[in-house]
Amino acid sequence: MPIPSKTRSLGGICLVAGALALSACAGNVPAPTEQVTLSDNIIRNAEEAGAVQHSPVELNMARDKLEGARREMQDENNEKALRLAEEAEVDARLAELKARTATTKEAVAAVQSSIDTLRRELNAGPMNRPTS
């Protein structure tokens, strides 16, 4: 049985109205101020952890993306601003982890060097010297 044309028209109108409603919701993203603040704080944590020295590429990527997020917020492109702010957070977390890893490796190397020195001193101690 064929569908009456009024029903088809009503169905088409509902589809179009639904699509418009969805697109309106998607474009109505609030300004991601909390995410920008969070990303900014994480960038500062990364800097304090030594990312400037140990992971400058990731740190600069985070800074650039955060600045991009701020520009997009000013232009009211909040969806893009949110995405950039989230990417800045991820890059900053990576920079911080790389910096902490490098710092830990340096500390381990220093401890290992001290252990090696103590071993040499013990091996050269009075017990290992020939008696006359």
N, C-alpha and C. Protein backbone atom coordinates (compact mmCIF):
# COMPACT_ATOMS: atom_id res chain seq x y z
N MET A 1 0.84 -1.17 0.00
CA MET A 1 0.00 0.00 0.00
C MET A 1 0.89 1.24 0.00
N PRO A 2 0.71 2.16 -0.93
CA PRO A 2 1.53 3.36 -1.01
C PRO A 2 1.26 4.30 0.16
N ILE A 3 2.31 5.04 0.55
CA ILE A 3 2.20 6.01 1.65
C ILE A 3 1.62 7.30 1.07
N PRO A 4 0.59 7.86 1.75
CA PRO A 4 0.00 9.10 1.25
C PRO A 4 1.03 10.22 1.23
N SER A 5 0.87 11.12 0.28
CA SER A 5 1.85 12.20 0.11
C SER A 5 1.90 13.13 1.31
N LYS A 6 0.78 13.34 2.02
CA LYS A 6 0.79 14.19 3.22
C LYS A 6 1.68 13.57 4.30
N THR A 7 1.63 12.26 4.44
CA THR A 7 2.44 11.58 5.44
C THR A 7 3.92 11.67 5.08
N ARG A 8 4.22 11.49 3.78
CA ARG A 8 5.61 11.62 3.34
C ARG A 8 6.13 13.02 3.59
N SER A 9 5.33 14.03 3.29
CA SER A 9 5.74 15.43 3.51
C SER A 9 5.97 15.70 4.98
N LEU A 10 5.06 15.20 5.82
CA LEU A 10 5.20 15.40 7.26
C LEU A 10 6.46 14.71 7.77
N GLY A 11 6.74 13.51 7.27
CA GLY A 11 7.95 12.79 7.66
C GLY A 11 9.20 13.54 7.24
N GLY A 12 9.20 14.10 6.05
CA GLY A 12 10.34 14.88 5.58
C GLY A 12 10.55 16.13 6.41
N ILE A 13 9.44 16.78 6.76
CA ILE A 13 9.54 18.00 7.58
C ILE A 13 10.11 17.65 8.96
N CYS A 14 9.65 16.53 9.52
CA CYS A 14 10.17 16.11 10.84
C CYS A 14 11.66 15.81 10.77
N LEU A 15 12.09 15.16 9.70
CA LEU A 15 13.52 14.87 9.54
C LEU A 15 14.34 16.15 9.46
N VAL A 16 13.88 17.09 8.67
CA VAL A 16 14.59 18.37 8.52
C VAL A 16 14.61 19.11 9.85
N ALA A 17 13.46 19.15 10.54
CA ALA A 17 13.39 19.85 11.83
C ALA A 17 14.33 19.19 12.85
N GLY A 18 14.37 17.87 12.85
CA GLY A 18 15.27 17.16 13.77
C GLY A 18 16.72 17.45 13.47
N ALA A 19 17.07 17.47 12.20
CA ALA A 19 18.45 17.77 11.81
C ALA A 19 18.83 19.19 12.20
N LEU A 20 17.92 20.13 12.01
CA LEU A 20 18.20 21.52 12.41
C LEU A 20 18.36 21.63 13.92
N ALA A 21 17.51 20.92 14.66
CA ALA A 21 17.61 20.97 16.12
C ALA A 21 18.95 20.41 16.58
N LEU A 22 19.39 19.32 15.98
CA LEU A 22 20.68 18.73 16.35
C LEU A 22 21.84 19.66 16.00
N SER A 23 21.77 20.28 14.84
CA SER A 23 22.86 21.18 14.46
C SER A 23 22.88 22.42 15.34
N ALA A 24 21.72 22.87 15.78
CA ALA A 24 21.66 24.03 16.67
C ALA A 24 22.28 23.67 18.02
N CYS A 25 22.02 22.46 18.50
CA CYS A 25 22.61 22.03 19.77
C CYS A 25 24.13 21.91 19.66
N ALA A 26 24.59 21.38 18.55
CA ALA A 26 26.03 21.19 18.36
C ALA A 26 26.75 22.52 18.32
N GLY A 27 26.13 23.54 17.77
CA GLY A 27 26.77 24.84 17.68
C GLY A 27 26.62 25.67 18.94
N ASN A 28 25.92 25.14 19.92
CA ASN A 28 25.63 25.88 21.13
C ASN A 28 26.51 25.42 22.29
N VAL A 29 27.76 25.16 22.02
CA VAL A 29 28.71 24.71 23.05
C VAL A 29 29.11 25.92 23.88
N PRO A 30 29.03 25.80 25.22
CA PRO A 30 29.45 26.93 26.05
C PRO A 30 30.96 27.14 25.97
N ALA A 31 31.38 28.34 26.29
CA ALA A 31 32.82 28.66 26.28
C ALA A 31 33.54 27.73 27.27
N PRO A 32 34.62 27.11 26.84
CA PRO A 32 35.31 26.12 27.68
C PRO A 32 36.28 26.75 28.68
N THR A 33 35.78 27.68 29.48
CA THR A 33 36.65 28.40 30.40
C THR A 33 37.29 27.48 31.44
N GLU A 34 36.53 26.49 31.93
CA GLU A 34 37.09 25.57 32.93
C GLU A 34 38.21 24.74 32.33
N GLN A 35 38.00 24.27 31.10
CA GLN A 35 39.03 23.45 30.44
C GLN A 35 40.28 24.29 30.16
N VAL A 36 40.09 25.53 29.77
CA VAL A 36 41.23 26.42 29.51
C VAL A 36 42.02 26.64 30.80
N THR A 37 41.31 26.88 31.90
CA THR A 37 41.97 27.07 33.19
C THR A 37 42.72 25.81 33.61
N LEU A 38 42.07 24.66 33.45
CA LEU A 38 42.71 23.39 33.79
C LEU A 38 43.98 23.18 32.96
N SER A 39 43.88 23.40 31.67
CA SER A 39 45.04 23.23 30.78
C SER A 39 46.17 24.17 31.17
N ASP A 40 45.82 25.40 31.50
CA ASP A 40 46.82 26.39 31.92
C ASP A 40 47.54 25.91 33.19
N ASN A 41 46.78 25.38 34.14
CA ASN A 41 47.39 24.88 35.38
C ASN A 41 48.30 23.69 35.12
N ILE A 42 47.90 22.82 34.22
CA ILE A 42 48.71 21.64 33.92
C ILE A 42 49.99 22.05 33.19
N ILE A 43 49.90 23.07 32.35
CA ILE A 43 51.11 23.59 31.69
C ILE A 43 52.08 24.12 32.74
N ARG A 44 51.56 24.84 33.73
CA ARG A 44 52.43 25.34 34.80
C ARG A 44 53.06 24.19 35.59
N ASN A 45 52.28 23.15 35.85
CA ASN A 45 52.83 21.97 36.54
C ASN A 45 53.97 21.34 35.73
N ALA A 46 53.77 21.27 34.43
CA ALA A 46 54.80 20.70 33.55
C ALA A 46 56.07 21.55 33.59
N GLU A 47 55.90 22.86 33.57
CA GLU A 47 57.06 23.76 33.64
C GLU A 47 57.81 23.55 34.95
N GLU A 48 57.07 23.43 36.06
CA GLU A 48 57.69 23.23 37.37
C GLU A 48 58.39 21.87 37.46
N ALA A 49 57.91 20.91 36.69
CA ALA A 49 58.51 19.57 36.70
C ALA A 49 59.76 19.49 35.82
N GLY A 50 60.06 20.57 35.10
CA GLY A 50 61.27 20.59 34.27
C GLY A 50 61.02 20.35 32.80
N ALA A 51 59.79 20.55 32.35
CA ALA A 51 59.47 20.30 30.94
C ALA A 51 60.19 21.27 30.01
N VAL A 52 60.53 22.45 30.48
CA VAL A 52 61.24 23.41 29.63
C VAL A 52 62.55 22.78 29.16
N GLN A 53 63.21 22.07 30.05
CA GLN A 53 64.49 21.44 29.73
C GLN A 53 64.32 20.06 29.10
N HIS A 54 63.41 19.26 29.66
CA HIS A 54 63.33 17.84 29.28
C HIS A 54 62.33 17.50 28.19
N SER A 55 61.32 18.31 27.99
CA SER A 55 60.33 18.01 26.94
C SER A 55 59.78 19.31 26.34
N PRO A 56 60.66 20.12 25.77
CA PRO A 56 60.24 21.43 25.25
C PRO A 56 59.27 21.34 24.07
N VAL A 57 59.39 20.31 23.26
CA VAL A 57 58.51 20.21 22.08
C VAL A 57 57.06 20.05 22.53
N GLU A 58 56.83 19.10 23.44
CA GLU A 58 55.47 18.86 23.92
C GLU A 58 54.93 20.07 24.68
N LEU A 59 55.79 20.70 25.47
CA LEU A 59 55.37 21.87 26.23
C LEU A 59 54.97 23.00 25.29
N ASN A 60 55.77 23.25 24.25
CA ASN A 60 55.43 24.31 23.30
C ASN A 60 54.16 23.98 22.52
N MET A 61 53.95 22.71 22.21
CA MET A 61 52.70 22.32 21.54
C MET A 61 51.51 22.63 22.44
N ALA A 62 51.64 22.33 23.73
CA ALA A 62 50.56 22.61 24.68
C ALA A 62 50.29 24.11 24.76
N ARG A 63 51.35 24.89 24.86
CA ARG A 63 51.18 26.35 24.93
C ARG A 63 50.50 26.89 23.67
N ASP A 64 50.96 26.43 22.50
CA ASP A 64 50.38 26.89 21.24
C ASP A 64 48.90 26.54 21.14
N LYS A 65 48.56 25.33 21.53
CA LYS A 65 47.15 24.91 21.46
C LYS A 65 46.29 25.68 22.45
N LEU A 66 46.84 25.97 23.61
CA LEU A 66 46.07 26.75 24.59
C LEU A 66 45.83 28.16 24.07
N GLU A 67 46.84 28.76 23.46
CA GLU A 67 46.65 30.09 22.85
C GLU A 67 45.61 30.03 21.73
N GLY A 68 45.66 28.96 20.94
CA GLY A 68 44.66 28.78 19.89
C GLY A 68 43.26 28.66 20.47
N ALA A 69 43.14 27.95 21.58
CA ALA A 69 41.84 27.80 22.25
C ALA A 69 41.32 29.16 22.71
N ARG A 70 42.21 29.97 23.25
CA ARG A 70 41.79 31.31 23.70
C ARG A 70 41.33 32.17 22.52
N ARG A 71 42.05 32.07 21.40
CA ARG A 71 41.63 32.83 20.20
C ARG A 71 40.27 32.36 19.70
N GLU A 72 40.08 31.05 19.68
CA GLU A 72 38.80 30.51 19.21
C GLU A 72 37.66 30.92 20.14
N MET A 73 37.93 30.99 21.44
CA MET A 73 36.90 31.46 22.37
C MET A 73 36.52 32.90 22.09
N GLN A 74 37.51 33.74 21.80
CA GLN A 74 37.22 35.14 21.48
C GLN A 74 36.37 35.25 20.22
N ASP A 75 36.61 34.34 19.28
CA ASP A 75 35.84 34.33 18.03
C ASP A 75 34.54 33.54 18.17
N GLU A 76 34.26 33.07 19.39
CA GLU A 76 33.06 32.30 19.72
C GLU A 76 32.97 30.98 18.97
N ASN A 77 34.12 30.42 18.64
CA ASN A 77 34.19 29.07 18.07
C ASN A 77 34.46 28.11 19.24
N ASN A 78 33.46 27.95 20.09
CA ASN A 78 33.66 27.24 21.35
C ASN A 78 33.94 25.75 21.18
N GLU A 79 33.36 25.15 20.17
CA GLU A 79 33.61 23.72 19.95
C GLU A 79 35.09 23.49 19.61
N LYS A 80 35.62 24.31 18.72
CA LYS A 80 37.04 24.20 18.36
C LYS A 80 37.92 24.59 19.54
N ALA A 81 37.49 25.60 20.30
CA ALA A 81 38.24 26.03 21.48
C ALA A 81 38.34 24.91 22.50
N LEU A 82 37.24 24.20 22.71
CA LEU A 82 37.24 23.08 23.65
C LEU A 82 38.20 21.99 23.19
N ARG A 83 38.14 21.67 21.91
CA ARG A 83 39.02 20.62 21.38
C ARG A 83 40.49 21.01 21.56
N LEU A 84 40.83 22.25 21.24
CA LEU A 84 42.21 22.71 21.39
C LEU A 84 42.65 22.72 22.85
N ALA A 85 41.76 23.14 23.74
CA ALA A 85 42.09 23.17 25.17
C ALA A 85 42.32 21.76 25.70
N GLU A 86 41.51 20.81 25.24
CA GLU A 86 41.70 19.42 25.65
C GLU A 86 43.01 18.86 25.11
N GLU A 87 43.33 19.19 23.87
CA GLU A 87 44.61 18.75 23.30
C GLU A 87 45.78 19.37 24.05
N ALA A 88 45.64 20.63 24.45
CA ALA A 88 46.69 21.29 25.22
C ALA A 88 46.91 20.57 26.55
N GLU A 89 45.82 20.15 27.17
CA GLU A 89 45.93 19.40 28.42
C GLU A 89 46.71 18.11 28.22
N VAL A 90 46.38 17.37 27.19
CA VAL A 90 47.06 16.10 26.92
C VAL A 90 48.55 16.33 26.65
N ASP A 91 48.86 17.33 25.82
CA ASP A 91 50.26 17.63 25.51
C ASP A 91 51.02 18.05 26.77
N ALA A 92 50.38 18.84 27.62
CA ALA A 92 51.03 19.29 28.85
C ALA A 92 51.27 18.13 29.81
N ARG A 93 50.30 17.23 29.90
CA ARG A 93 50.48 16.05 30.76
C ARG A 93 51.64 15.18 30.25
N LEU A 94 51.72 15.03 28.94
CA LEU A 94 52.83 14.27 28.35
C LEU A 94 54.16 14.95 28.66
N ALA A 95 54.21 16.27 28.51
CA ALA A 95 55.44 17.01 28.80
C ALA A 95 55.84 16.83 30.26
N GLU A 96 54.86 16.90 31.15
CA GLU A 96 55.16 16.73 32.58
C GLU A 96 55.68 15.32 32.87
N LEU A 97 55.04 14.32 32.30
CA LEU A 97 55.49 12.94 32.53
C LEU A 97 56.89 12.70 31.98
N LYS A 98 57.17 13.24 30.80
CA LYS A 98 58.51 13.09 30.23
C LYS A 98 59.55 13.78 31.11
N ALA A 99 59.21 14.95 31.63
CA ALA A 99 60.14 15.68 32.49
C ALA A 99 60.38 14.91 33.79
N ARG A 100 59.31 14.41 34.38
CA ARG A 100 59.47 13.65 35.63
C ARG A 100 60.27 12.36 35.39
N THR A 101 60.04 11.73 34.26
CA THR A 101 60.80 10.53 33.92
C THR A 101 62.29 10.85 33.77
N ALA A 102 62.59 11.94 33.08
CA ALA A 102 64.00 12.33 32.90
C ALA A 102 64.64 12.66 34.24
N THR A 103 63.92 13.37 35.10
CA THR A 103 64.44 13.72 36.41
C THR A 103 64.69 12.47 37.25
N THR A 104 63.78 11.52 37.17
CA THR A 104 63.94 10.26 37.91
C THR A 104 65.14 9.48 37.39
N LYS A 105 65.30 9.44 36.08
CA LYS A 105 66.46 8.74 35.50
C LYS A 105 67.76 9.38 35.96
N GLU A 106 67.79 10.71 36.02
CA GLU A 106 68.99 11.41 36.50
C GLU A 106 69.28 11.05 37.95
N ALA A 107 68.22 10.99 38.77
CA ALA A 107 68.41 10.65 40.18
C ALA A 107 68.90 9.22 40.33
N VAL A 108 68.35 8.31 39.55
CA VAL A 108 68.80 6.91 39.59
C VAL A 108 70.27 6.81 39.18
N ALA A 109 70.65 7.55 38.15
CA ALA A 109 72.05 7.53 37.70
C ALA A 109 72.98 8.06 38.79
N ALA A 110 72.55 9.10 39.51
CA ALA A 110 73.37 9.65 40.59
C ALA A 110 73.52 8.64 41.73
N VAL A 111 72.43 7.98 42.09
CA VAL A 111 72.50 6.97 43.15
C VAL A 111 73.40 5.81 42.71
N GLN A 112 73.26 5.38 41.47
CA GLN A 112 74.09 4.28 40.96
C GLN A 112 75.57 4.66 40.99
N SER A 113 75.86 5.90 40.65
CA SER A 113 77.24 6.37 40.69
C SER A 113 77.78 6.33 42.12
N SER A 114 76.95 6.74 43.08
CA SER A 114 77.37 6.69 44.49
C SER A 114 77.62 5.26 44.94
N ILE A 115 76.75 4.35 44.52
CA ILE A 115 76.92 2.94 44.87
C ILE A 115 78.22 2.40 44.29
N ASP A 116 78.50 2.73 43.04
CA ASP A 116 79.74 2.28 42.40
C ASP A 116 80.96 2.82 43.13
N THR A 117 80.91 4.08 43.54
CA THR A 117 82.02 4.68 44.28
C THR A 117 82.23 3.96 45.61
N LEU A 118 81.15 3.70 46.33
CA LEU A 118 81.25 2.99 47.60
C LEU A 118 81.82 1.58 47.42
N ARG A 119 81.41 0.91 46.37
CA ARG A 119 81.95 -0.44 46.09
C ARG A 119 83.46 -0.38 45.87
N ARG A 120 83.89 0.60 45.06
CA ARG A 120 85.33 0.74 44.80
C ARG A 120 86.09 1.01 46.10
N GLU A 121 85.53 1.87 46.93
CA GLU A 121 86.20 2.20 48.20
C GLU A 121 86.26 0.98 49.12
N LEU A 122 85.17 0.21 49.14
CA LEU A 122 85.17 -1.00 49.97
C LEU A 122 86.17 -2.02 49.46
N ASN A 123 86.23 -2.17 48.16
CA ASN A 123 87.17 -3.13 47.56
C ASN A 123 88.62 -2.70 47.77
N ALA A 124 88.86 -1.42 47.90
CA ALA A 124 90.22 -0.93 48.11
C ALA A 124 90.52 -0.72 49.59
N GLY A 125 89.59 -1.10 50.46
CA GLY A 125 89.74 -0.88 51.90
C GLY A 125 90.84 -1.72 52.52
N PRO A 126 91.07 -1.56 53.85
CA PRO A 126 92.17 -2.22 54.54
C PRO A 126 92.10 -3.75 54.48
N MET A 127 90.95 -4.32 54.34
CA MET A 127 90.84 -5.79 54.30
C MET A 127 91.42 -6.35 53.00
N ASN A 128 91.42 -5.58 51.96
CA ASN A 128 91.90 -6.05 50.66
C ASN A 128 93.35 -5.66 50.38
N ARG A 129 93.98 -4.98 51.33
CA ARG A 129 95.37 -4.59 51.14
C ARG A 129 96.29 -5.72 51.61
N PRO A 130 97.37 -5.93 50.90
CA PRO A 130 98.32 -6.96 51.35
C PRO A 130 99.00 -6.52 52.65
N THR A 131 99.22 -7.47 53.54
CA THR A 131 99.91 -7.15 54.80
C THR A 131 101.41 -7.34 54.63
N SER A 132 102.20 -6.57 55.37
CA SER A 132 103.65 -6.67 55.22
C SER A 132 104.26 -7.54 56.27
